[in-house]
C-alpha atoms as a PDB file:
ATOM      1  CA  MET A   1     139.791  54.500  99.394  1.00  0.00           C
ATOM      2  CA  LYS A   2     141.547  54.099  95.864  1.00  0.00           C
ATOM      3  CA  LEU A   3     139.599  52.572  92.974  1.00  0.00           C
ATOM      4  CA  PRO A   4     141.378  49.208  92.851  1.00  0.00           C
ATOM      5  CA  GLU A   5     140.775  48.722  96.637  1.00  0.00           C
ATOM      6  CA  ARG A   6     137.091  49.734  96.280  1.00  0.00           C
ATOM      7  CA  ASN A   7     136.664  47.296  93.323  1.00  0.00           C
ATOM      8  CA  ARG A   8     138.277  44.470  95.328  1.00  0.00           C
ATOM      9  CA  ARG A   9     136.117  45.131  98.385  1.00  0.00           C
ATOM     10  CA  LEU A  10     132.896  45.260  96.430  1.00  0.00           C
ATOM     11  CA  LYS A  11     133.901  41.977  94.831  1.00  0.00           C
ATOM     12  CA  GLN A  12     134.384  40.511  98.266  1.00  0.00           C
ATOM     13  CA  LEU A  13     131.098  41.787  99.374  1.00  0.00           C
ATOM     14  CA  VAL A  14     129.406  40.026  96.499  1.00  0.00           C
ATOM     15  CA  GLU A  15     131.254  36.732  97.177  1.00  0.00           C
ATOM     16  CA  LEU A  16     130.572  36.842 100.943  1.00  0.00           C
ATOM     17  CA  SER A  17     126.839  37.514 100.344  1.00  0.00           C
ATOM     18  CA  ARG A  18     126.483  34.606  97.883  1.00  0.00           C
ATOM     19  CA  ARG A  19     128.332  32.201 100.290  1.00  0.00           C
ATOM     20  CA  ILE A  20     125.961  33.211 103.058  1.00  0.00           C
ATOM     21  CA  GLY A  21     122.941  33.138 100.834  1.00  0.00           C
ATOM     22  CA  ILE A  22     123.481  29.605  99.489  1.00  0.00           C
ATOM     23  CA  ALA A  23     124.815  28.077 102.698  1.00  0.00           C
ATOM     24  CA  PRO A  24     123.321  24.731 103.450  1.00  0.00           C
ATOM     25  CA  GLU A  25     122.423  26.063 106.982  1.00  0.00           C
ATOM     26  CA  SER A  26     119.868  28.390 105.407  1.00  0.00           C
ATOM     27  CA  PHE A  27     121.182  31.577 106.977  1.00  0.00           C
ATOM     28  CA  ALA A  28     118.869  33.581 104.788  1.00  0.00           C
ATOM     29  CA  ILE A  29     116.327  32.768 101.956  1.00  0.00           C
ATOM     30  CA  LEU A  30     114.492  34.831  99.359  1.00  0.00           C
ATOM     31  CA  GLY A  31     115.158  38.470 100.304  1.00  0.00           C
ATOM     32  CA  GLU A  32     116.137  37.892 103.843  1.00  0.00           C
ATOM     33  CA  GLY A  33     119.225  39.397 105.432  1.00  0.00           C
ATOM     34  CA  ASN A  34     121.745  41.991 104.336  1.00  0.00           C
ATOM     35  CA  THR A  35     125.473  42.540 104.219  1.00  0.00           C
ATOM     36  CA  SER A  36     127.633  45.649 104.151  1.00  0.00           C
ATOM     37  CA  THR A  37     131.189  47.067 104.155  1.00  0.00           C
ATOM     38  CA  ARG A  38     132.945  50.337 104.214  1.00  0.00           C
ATOM     39  CA  SER A  39     133.628  51.976 100.800  1.00  0.00           C
ATOM     40  CA  GLY A  40     135.207  55.148 102.069  1.00  0.00           C
ATOM     41  CA  GLU A  41     135.680  57.273 105.106  1.00  0.00           C
ATOM     42  CA  ASP A  42     132.031  58.316 105.192  1.00  0.00           C
ATOM     43  CA  THR A  43     130.399  55.933 102.719  1.00  0.00           C
ATOM     44  CA  PHE A  44     129.525  52.220 102.744  1.00  0.00           C
ATOM     45  CA  TRP A  45     127.781  49.676 100.428  1.00  0.00           C
ATOM     46  CA  VAL A  46     124.713  47.808 101.692  1.00  0.00           C
ATOM     47  CA  LYS A  47     122.429  45.301 100.123  1.00  0.00           C
ATOM     48  CA  ALA A  48     119.665  46.954  98.244  1.00  0.00           C
ATOM     49  CA  SER A  49     116.034  46.394  99.356  1.00  0.00           C
ATOM     50  CA  GLY A  50     114.343  43.426  97.579  1.00  0.00           C
ATOM     51  CA  THR A  51     117.531  41.735  96.386  1.00  0.00           C
ATOM     52  CA  SER A  52     118.671  38.211  97.403  1.00  0.00           C
ATOM     53  CA  LEU A  53     122.057  37.298  99.042  1.00  0.00           C
ATOM     54  CA  SER A  54     122.117  34.095  97.131  1.00  0.00           C
ATOM     55  CA  THR A  55     122.089  35.785  93.731  1.00  0.00           C
ATOM     56  CA  ALA A  56     124.088  38.928  94.684  1.00  0.00           C
ATOM     57  CA  GLU A  57     125.724  40.910  91.916  1.00  0.00           C
ATOM     58  CA  LYS A  58     127.574  44.209  92.109  1.00  0.00           C
ATOM     59  CA  ASP A  59     124.404  46.181  91.375  1.00  0.00           C
ATOM     60  CA  SER A  60     122.623  44.349  94.347  1.00  0.00           C
ATOM     61  CA  PHE A  61     124.408  46.923  96.508  1.00  0.00           C
ATOM     62  CA  THR A  62     123.922  50.636  97.083  1.00  0.00           C
ATOM     63  CA  GLU A  63     126.564  53.020  98.190  1.00  0.00           C
ATOM     64  CA  CYS A  64     125.323  55.247 100.987  1.00  0.00           C
ATOM     65  CA  ARG A  65     126.583  58.479 102.550  1.00  0.00           C
ATOM     66  CA  ARG A  66     126.680  58.105 106.354  1.00  0.00           C
ATOM     67  CA  PRO A  67     126.281  61.919 107.128  1.00  0.00           C
ATOM     68  CA  THR A  68     123.023  61.944 105.209  1.00  0.00           C
ATOM     69  CA  LEU A  69     121.651  59.006 107.417  1.00  0.00           C
ATOM     70  CA  ASN A  70     122.938  60.639 110.576  1.00  0.00           C
ATOM     71  CA  SER A  71     119.968  62.955 110.773  1.00  0.00           C
ATOM     72  CA  LEU A  72     117.757  59.978 111.447  1.00  0.00           C
ATOM     73  CA  TRP A  73     119.304  59.598 114.888  1.00  0.00           C
ATOM     74  CA  GLU A  74     117.910  62.790 116.048  1.00  0.00           C
ATOM     75  CA  SER A  75     114.384  62.280 114.688  1.00  0.00           C
ATOM     76  CA  SER A  76     111.760  61.241 117.187  1.00  0.00           C
ATOM     77  CA  VAL A  77     108.811  59.923 115.205  1.00  0.00           C
ATOM     78  CA  LEU A  78     109.077  59.554 111.426  1.00  0.00           C
ATOM     79  CA  SER A  79     106.599  58.018 108.926  1.00  0.00           C
ATOM     80  CA  ASP A  80     107.793  55.165 106.812  1.00  0.00           C
ATOM     81  CA  SER A  81     107.674  57.430 103.754  1.00  0.00           C
ATOM     82  CA  GLN A  82     109.930  59.985 105.538  1.00  0.00           C
ATOM     83  CA  VAL A  83     112.390  57.286 106.347  1.00  0.00           C
ATOM     84  CA  ASP A  84     112.331  56.027 102.699  1.00  0.00           C
ATOM     85  CA  GLU A  85     112.961  59.628 101.532  1.00  0.00           C
ATOM     86  CA  LYS A  86     116.018  59.774 103.673  1.00  0.00           C
ATOM     87  CA  LEU A  87     117.278  56.364 102.547  1.00  0.00           C
ATOM     88  CA  LEU A  88     117.001  57.441  98.926  1.00  0.00           C
ATOM     89  CA  GLU A  89     118.692  60.777  99.665  1.00  0.00           C
ATOM     90  CA  SER A  90     121.590  58.903 101.152  1.00  0.00           C
ATOM     91  CA  ARG A  91     122.480  57.185  97.917  1.00  0.00           C
ATOM     92  CA  ALA A  92     125.872  58.222  96.422  1.00  0.00           C
ATOM     93  CA  LYS A  93     124.457  57.539  92.985  1.00  0.00           C
ATOM     94  CA  PRO A  94     120.825  58.713  92.623  1.00  0.00           C
ATOM     95  CA  LYS A  95     120.037  55.959  90.093  1.00  0.00           C
ATOM     96  CA  ASP A  96     121.011  53.088  92.444  1.00  0.00           C
ATOM     97  CA  ARG A  97     118.436  50.977  94.068  1.00  0.00           C
ATOM     98  CA  LYS A  98     116.835  51.862  97.432  1.00  0.00           C
ATOM     99  CA  PRO A  99     119.062  50.819 100.270  1.00  0.00           C
ATOM    100  CA  SER A 100     117.915  48.203 102.788  1.00  0.00           C
ATOM    101  CA  THR A 101     115.515  49.509 105.437  1.00  0.00           C
ATOM    102  CA  GLU A 102     118.188  48.431 107.852  1.00  0.00           C
ATOM    103  CA  ALA A 103     120.882  50.589 106.338  1.00  0.00           C
ATOM    104  CA  LEU A 104     120.970  52.865 109.407  1.00  0.00           C
ATOM    105  CA  PHE A 105     122.226  50.172 111.806  1.00  0.00           C
ATOM    106  CA  HIS A 106     124.827  49.188 109.176  1.00  0.00           C
ATOM    107  CA  SER A 107     125.933  52.817 109.037  1.00  0.00           C
ATOM    108  CA  TYR A 108     126.223  52.899 112.821  1.00  0.00           C
ATOM    109  CA  LEU A 109     128.120  49.555 113.089  1.00  0.00           C
ATOM    110  CA  LEU A 110     130.608  50.403 110.300  1.00  0.00           C
ATOM    111  CA  SER A 111     131.482  53.613 112.161  1.00  0.00           C
ATOM    112  CA  LEU A 112     132.853  51.575 115.094  1.00  0.00           C
ATOM    113  CA  PRO A 113     136.594  51.244 115.421  1.00  0.00           C
ATOM    114  CA  GLY A 114     137.945  48.222 113.672  1.00  0.00           C
ATOM    115  CA  ILE A 115     134.569  47.136 112.232  1.00  0.00           C
ATOM    116  CA  GLU A 116     134.778  46.848 108.416  1.00  0.00           C
ATOM    117  CA  TRP A 117     132.110  44.208 107.583  1.00  0.00           C
ATOM    118  CA  VAL A 118     128.563  43.411 108.770  1.00  0.00           C
ATOM    119  CA  ALA A 119     126.420  40.334 108.015  1.00  0.00           C
ATOM    120  CA  HIS A 120     122.755  40.270 109.142  1.00  0.00           C
ATOM    121  CA  THR A 121     121.007  36.888 108.722  1.00  0.00           C
ATOM    122  CA  HIS A 122     118.136  34.829 109.996  1.00  0.00           C
ATOM    123  CA  PRO A 123     119.634  31.396 110.867  1.00  0.00           C
ATOM    124  CA  ILE A 124     117.044  28.791 111.597  1.00  0.00           C
ATOM    125  CA  ALA A 125     118.592  27.369 114.814  1.00  0.00           C
ATOM    126  CA  VAL A 126     119.529  30.701 116.181  1.00  0.00           C
ATOM    127  CA  ASN A 127     116.099  32.071 115.540  1.00  0.00           C
ATOM    128  CA  GLY A 128     114.672  28.986 117.209  1.00  0.00           C
ATOM    129  CA  ILE A 129     116.293  30.153 120.445  1.00  0.00           C
ATOM    130  CA  LEU A 130     115.654  33.927 119.876  1.00  0.00           C
ATOM    131  CA  CYS A 131     111.981  33.196 119.557  1.00  0.00           C
ATOM    132  CA  SER A 132     111.977  31.253 122.871  1.00  0.00           C
ATOM    133  CA  PRO A 133     112.326  32.221 126.551  1.00  0.00           C
ATOM    134  CA  ARG A 134     115.935  31.025 126.450  1.00  0.00           C
ATOM    135  CA  ALA A 135     117.365  33.957 124.305  1.00  0.00           C
ATOM    136  CA  ALA A 136     119.108  35.607 127.218  1.00  0.00           C
ATOM    137  CA  ASP A 137     120.951  32.392 128.210  1.00  0.00           C
ATOM    138  CA  PHE A 138     122.123  31.925 124.571  1.00  0.00           C
ATOM    139  CA  ALA A 139     123.465  35.576 124.564  1.00  0.00           C
ATOM    140  CA  LYS A 140     125.100  35.474 128.026  1.00  0.00           C
ATOM    141  CA  PHE A 141     126.655  31.983 128.424  1.00  0.00           C
ATOM    142  CA  ARG A 142     128.946  29.803 126.431  1.00  0.00           C
ATOM    143  CA  MET A 143     129.000  26.050 126.114  1.00  0.00           C
ATOM    144  CA  PHE A 144     132.339  25.187 124.326  1.00  0.00           C
ATOM    145  CA  PRO A 145     135.702  26.739 123.447  1.00  0.00           C
ATOM    146  CA  ASP A 146     135.220  27.392 119.757  1.00  0.00           C
ATOM    147  CA  GLU A 147     131.993  29.301 120.503  1.00  0.00           C
ATOM    148  CA  ILE A 148     134.170  31.685 122.655  1.00  0.00           C
ATOM    149  CA  VAL A 149     136.793  31.990 119.967  1.00  0.00           C
ATOM    150  CA  CYS A 150     134.424  32.887 117.238  1.00  0.00           C
ATOM    151  CA  GLY A 151     131.634  34.523 119.083  1.00  0.00           C
ATOM    152  CA  GLY A 152     133.238  36.201 122.044  1.00  0.00           C
ATOM    153  CA  GLU A 153     132.664  35.729 125.739  1.00  0.00           C
ATOM    154  CA  GLN A 154     129.045  37.118 125.414  1.00  0.00           C
ATOM    155  CA  SER A 155     126.798  38.669 122.913  1.00  0.00           C
ATOM    156  CA  VAL A 156     124.452  41.560 122.861  1.00  0.00           C
ATOM    157  CA  LEU A 157     120.764  40.768 123.114  1.00  0.00           C
ATOM    158  CA  VAL A 158     118.324  43.394 121.733  1.00  0.00           C
ATOM    159  CA  PRO A 159     114.594  42.926 122.611  1.00  0.00           C
ATOM    160  CA  TYR A 160     112.347  42.885 119.604  1.00  0.00           C
ATOM    161  CA  THR A 161     112.045  46.340 117.973  1.00  0.00           C
ATOM    162  CA  ASP A 162     110.343  47.521 114.853  1.00  0.00           C
ATOM    163  CA  PRO A 163     112.832  47.296 111.997  1.00  0.00           C
ATOM    164  CA  GLY A 164     114.256  50.461 110.649  1.00  0.00           C
ATOM    165  CA  VAL A 165     115.033  53.511 112.795  1.00  0.00           C
ATOM    166  CA  PRO A 166     113.702  52.106 116.080  1.00  0.00           C
ATOM    167  CA  LEU A 167     115.760  48.875 115.693  1.00  0.00           C
ATOM    168  CA  ALA A 168     118.943  50.896 114.737  1.00  0.00           C
ATOM    169  CA  LYS A 169     118.486  52.988 117.913  1.00  0.00           C
ATOM    170  CA  ALA A 170     117.993  49.813 120.017  1.00  0.00           C
ATOM    171  CA  ILE A 171     121.087  48.241 118.488  1.00  0.00           C
ATOM    172  CA  ARG A 172     123.105  51.382 119.287  1.00  0.00           C
ATOM    173  CA  HIS A 173     121.924  51.376 122.747  1.00  0.00           C
ATOM    174  CA  GLY A 174     122.721  47.726 123.292  1.00  0.00           C
ATOM    175  CA  VAL A 175     126.259  47.928 121.811  1.00  0.00           C
ATOM    176  CA  GLU A 176     127.145  51.046 123.770  1.00  0.00           C
ATOM    177  CA  ASN A 177     126.065  49.453 127.040  1.00  0.00           C
ATOM    178  CA  PHE A 178     127.936  46.220 126.168  1.00  0.00           C
ATOM    179  CA  GLU A 179     131.121  48.120 125.486  1.00  0.00           C
ATOM    180  CA  LYS A 180     130.710  50.198 128.731  1.00  0.00           C
ATOM    181  CA  GLU A 181     130.325  46.910 130.806  1.00  0.00           C
ATOM    182  CA  GLN A 182     132.680  44.667 128.895  1.00  0.00           C
ATOM    183  CA  GLY A 183     135.331  47.083 127.782  1.00  0.00           C
ATOM    184  CA  ARG A 184     135.143  45.824 124.161  1.00  0.00           C
ATOM    185  CA  LEU A 185     132.896  45.528 121.233  1.00  0.00           C
ATOM    186  CA  PRO A 186     130.821  42.417 120.739  1.00  0.00           C
ATOM    187  CA  ARG A 187     131.157  40.023 117.767  1.00  0.00           C
ATOM    188  CA  MET A 188     127.552  39.076 117.792  1.00  0.00           C
ATOM    189  CA  ILE A 189     124.294  41.021 118.214  1.00  0.00           C
ATOM    190  CA  LEU A 190     121.218  38.872 118.759  1.00  0.00           C
ATOM    191  CA  LEU A 191     117.880  40.467 117.834  1.00  0.00           C
ATOM    192  CA  GLN A 192     115.075  38.839 119.704  1.00  0.00           C
ATOM    193  CA  ASN A 193     112.453  37.355 117.468  1.00  0.00           C
ATOM    194  CA  HIS A 194     114.364  38.438 114.451  1.00  0.00           C
ATOM    195  CA  GLY A 195     117.987  37.288 113.776  1.00  0.00           C
ATOM    196  CA  LEU A 196     121.662  37.605 114.049  1.00  0.00           C
ATOM    197  CA  ILE A 197     124.181  40.385 113.238  1.00  0.00           C
ATOM    198  CA  ALA A 198     127.844  39.492 112.940  1.00  0.00           C
ATOM    199  CA  ILE A 199     130.386  42.383 112.875  1.00  0.00           C
ATOM    200  CA  GLY A 200     134.150  42.186 112.347  1.00  0.00           C
ATOM    201  CA  PRO A 201     137.338  43.409 110.625  1.00  0.00           C
ATOM    202  CA  SER A 202     137.139  41.086 107.648  1.00  0.00           C
ATOM    203  CA  ALA A 203     134.595  39.259 105.513  1.00  0.00           C
ATOM    204  CA  GLY A 204     135.911  35.956 106.863  1.00  0.00           C
ATOM    205  CA  ALA A 205     135.429  37.082 110.339  1.00  0.00           C
ATOM    206  CA  VAL A 206     131.674  37.804 110.063  1.00  0.00           C
ATOM    207  CA  GLU A 207     131.142  34.545 107.962  1.00  0.00           C
ATOM    208  CA  ALA A 208     132.932  32.551 110.719  1.00  0.00           C
ATOM    209  CA  THR A 209     130.889  34.209 113.516  1.00  0.00           C
ATOM    210  CA  THR A 210     127.661  33.479 111.579  1.00  0.00           C
ATOM    211  CA  LYS A 211     128.588  29.792 111.035  1.00  0.00           C
ATOM    212  CA  MET A 212     129.524  29.264 114.628  1.00  0.00           C
ATOM    213  CA  ALA A 213     126.450  30.952 115.951  1.00  0.00           C
ATOM    214  CA  GLU A 214     124.305  28.534 114.006  1.00  0.00           C
ATOM    215  CA  LYS A 215     126.458  25.542 115.214  1.00  0.00           C
ATOM    216  CA  SER A 216     126.172  26.893 118.741  1.00  0.00           C
ATOM    217  CA  ALA A 217     122.439  27.127 118.450  1.00  0.00           C
ATOM    218  CA  LYS A 218     122.086  23.581 117.293  1.00  0.00           C
ATOM    219  CA  ILE A 219     124.123  22.339 120.145  1.00  0.00           C
ATOM    220  CA  PHE A 220     122.046  24.447 122.599  1.00  0.00           C
ATOM    221  CA  LEU A 221     118.860  23.062 121.290  1.00  0.00           C
ATOM    222  CA  GLY A 222     120.220  19.581 121.400  1.00  0.00           C
ATOM    223  CA  ALA A 223     121.401  20.031 124.948  1.00  0.00           C
ATOM    224  CA  ALA A 224     118.140  21.642 126.053  1.00  0.00           C
ATOM    225  CA  SER A 225     116.319  18.464 124.930  1.00  0.00           C
ATOM    226  CA  LEU A 226     118.456  16.462 127.384  1.00  0.00           C
ATOM    227  CA  GLY A 227     117.945  18.828 130.255  1.00  0.00           C
ATOM    228  CA  GLY A 228     120.735  21.303 129.570  1.00  0.00           C
ATOM    229  CA  PRO A 229     122.688  23.074 128.379  1.00  0.00           C
ATOM    230  CA  VAL A 230     125.563  22.848 130.789  1.00  0.00           C
ATOM    231  CA  PHE A 231     127.342  26.181 130.546  1.00  0.00           C
ATOM    232  CA  MET A 232     131.090  26.685 131.018  1.00  0.00           C
ATOM    233  CA  PRO A 233     132.057  28.402 134.243  1.00  0.00           C
ATOM    234  CA  GLU A 234     132.893  32.075 133.849  1.00  0.00           C
ATOM    235  CA  ALA A 235     136.560  31.529 134.872  1.00  0.00           C
ATOM    236  CA  GLN A 236     137.047  28.956 132.038  1.00  0.00           C
ATOM    237  CA  VAL A 237     135.378  31.199 129.524  1.00  0.00           C
ATOM    238  CA  LEU A 238     137.876  33.993 130.437  1.00  0.00           C
ATOM    239  CA  ARG A 239     140.711  31.480 130.291  1.00  0.00           C
ATOM    240  CA  ILE A 240     139.812  30.446 126.775  1.00  0.00           C
ATOM    241  CA  SER A 241     139.313  34.036 125.679  1.00  0.00           C
ATOM    242  CA  GLY A 242     142.816  34.970 126.915  1.00  0.00           C
ATOM    243  CA  ARG A 243     144.848  31.857 125.993  1.00  0.00           C
ATOM    244  CA  PRO A 244     147.767  32.671 123.641  1.00  0.00           C
ATOM    245  CA  ASP A 245     146.954  29.732 121.376  1.00  0.00           C
ATOM    246  CA  GLU A 246     143.382  30.877 120.940  1.00  0.00           C
ATOM    247  CA  LEU A 247     144.354  34.451 120.289  1.00  0.00           C
ATOM    248  CA  TYR A 248     146.747  33.165 117.577  1.00  0.00           C
ATOM    249  CA  ARG A 249     143.871  31.224 116.097  1.00  0.00           C
ATOM    250  CA  GLN A 250     141.789  34.354 116.033  1.00  0.00           C
ATOM    251  CA  LYS A 251     144.441  36.268 114.204  1.00  0.00           C
ATOM    252  CA  VAL A 252     144.837  33.365 111.586  1.00  0.00           C
ATOM    253  CA  LEU A 253     141.032  33.257 111.184  1.00  0.00           C
ATOM    254  CA  LYS A 254     141.138  37.121 110.905  1.00  0.00           C
ATOM    255  CA  LEU A 255     138.630  37.507 113.711  1.00  0.00           C
ATOM    256  CA  GLU A 256     140.662  40.301 115.243  1.00  0.00           C
END
């Protein structure tokens, strides 16, 4: 990736992070959440540990080398200090801050075809559902057309797993199973008792998916208080997903 393109993309990452960090929906507060994007064929930027999305600057992100992190996939049991050593070793610039503990799942997701951006947040309404017995319903079913357009026909649901390497492995397992069953990649990955991951080809795509997920969660919670939700039939979900006008909207919104 040429220098002007790298500079532009890092600037976009800063701007995306700030928008997510200051959003009135409270997607992430304090040091919560992390964002990332590709910086080269085998490198990516990810939010540094301890930094805040709302006050992100260029030095809030650390460029990591994917091949260095790949060795963590083969490791069975690692201590926290061993994982930290590998995270530090992965830095393209040794003086940069320590990458987020969740850098490994960012590395994996950014290696998928067509995925250029990742946004991991802890939205309040989404987590209200993910911390309840209804998490599987929220992942599997859809309630209204725009939820399908921005979030896809279904989402991946990952059972609660210890953050770091175990979580990254669980995410990879969930995404691979989803792709095998659905024939496509998801737009949303829901982490039980944890939060949301939006993936996509553009910064706008992951931002739109994050916003729609929180709106959907609020509607789900409201409908649940009235005895619902009433989910759309599968045939109608597939119809919305394949309609030419909705496919056009996805292109305009850069969701595809």
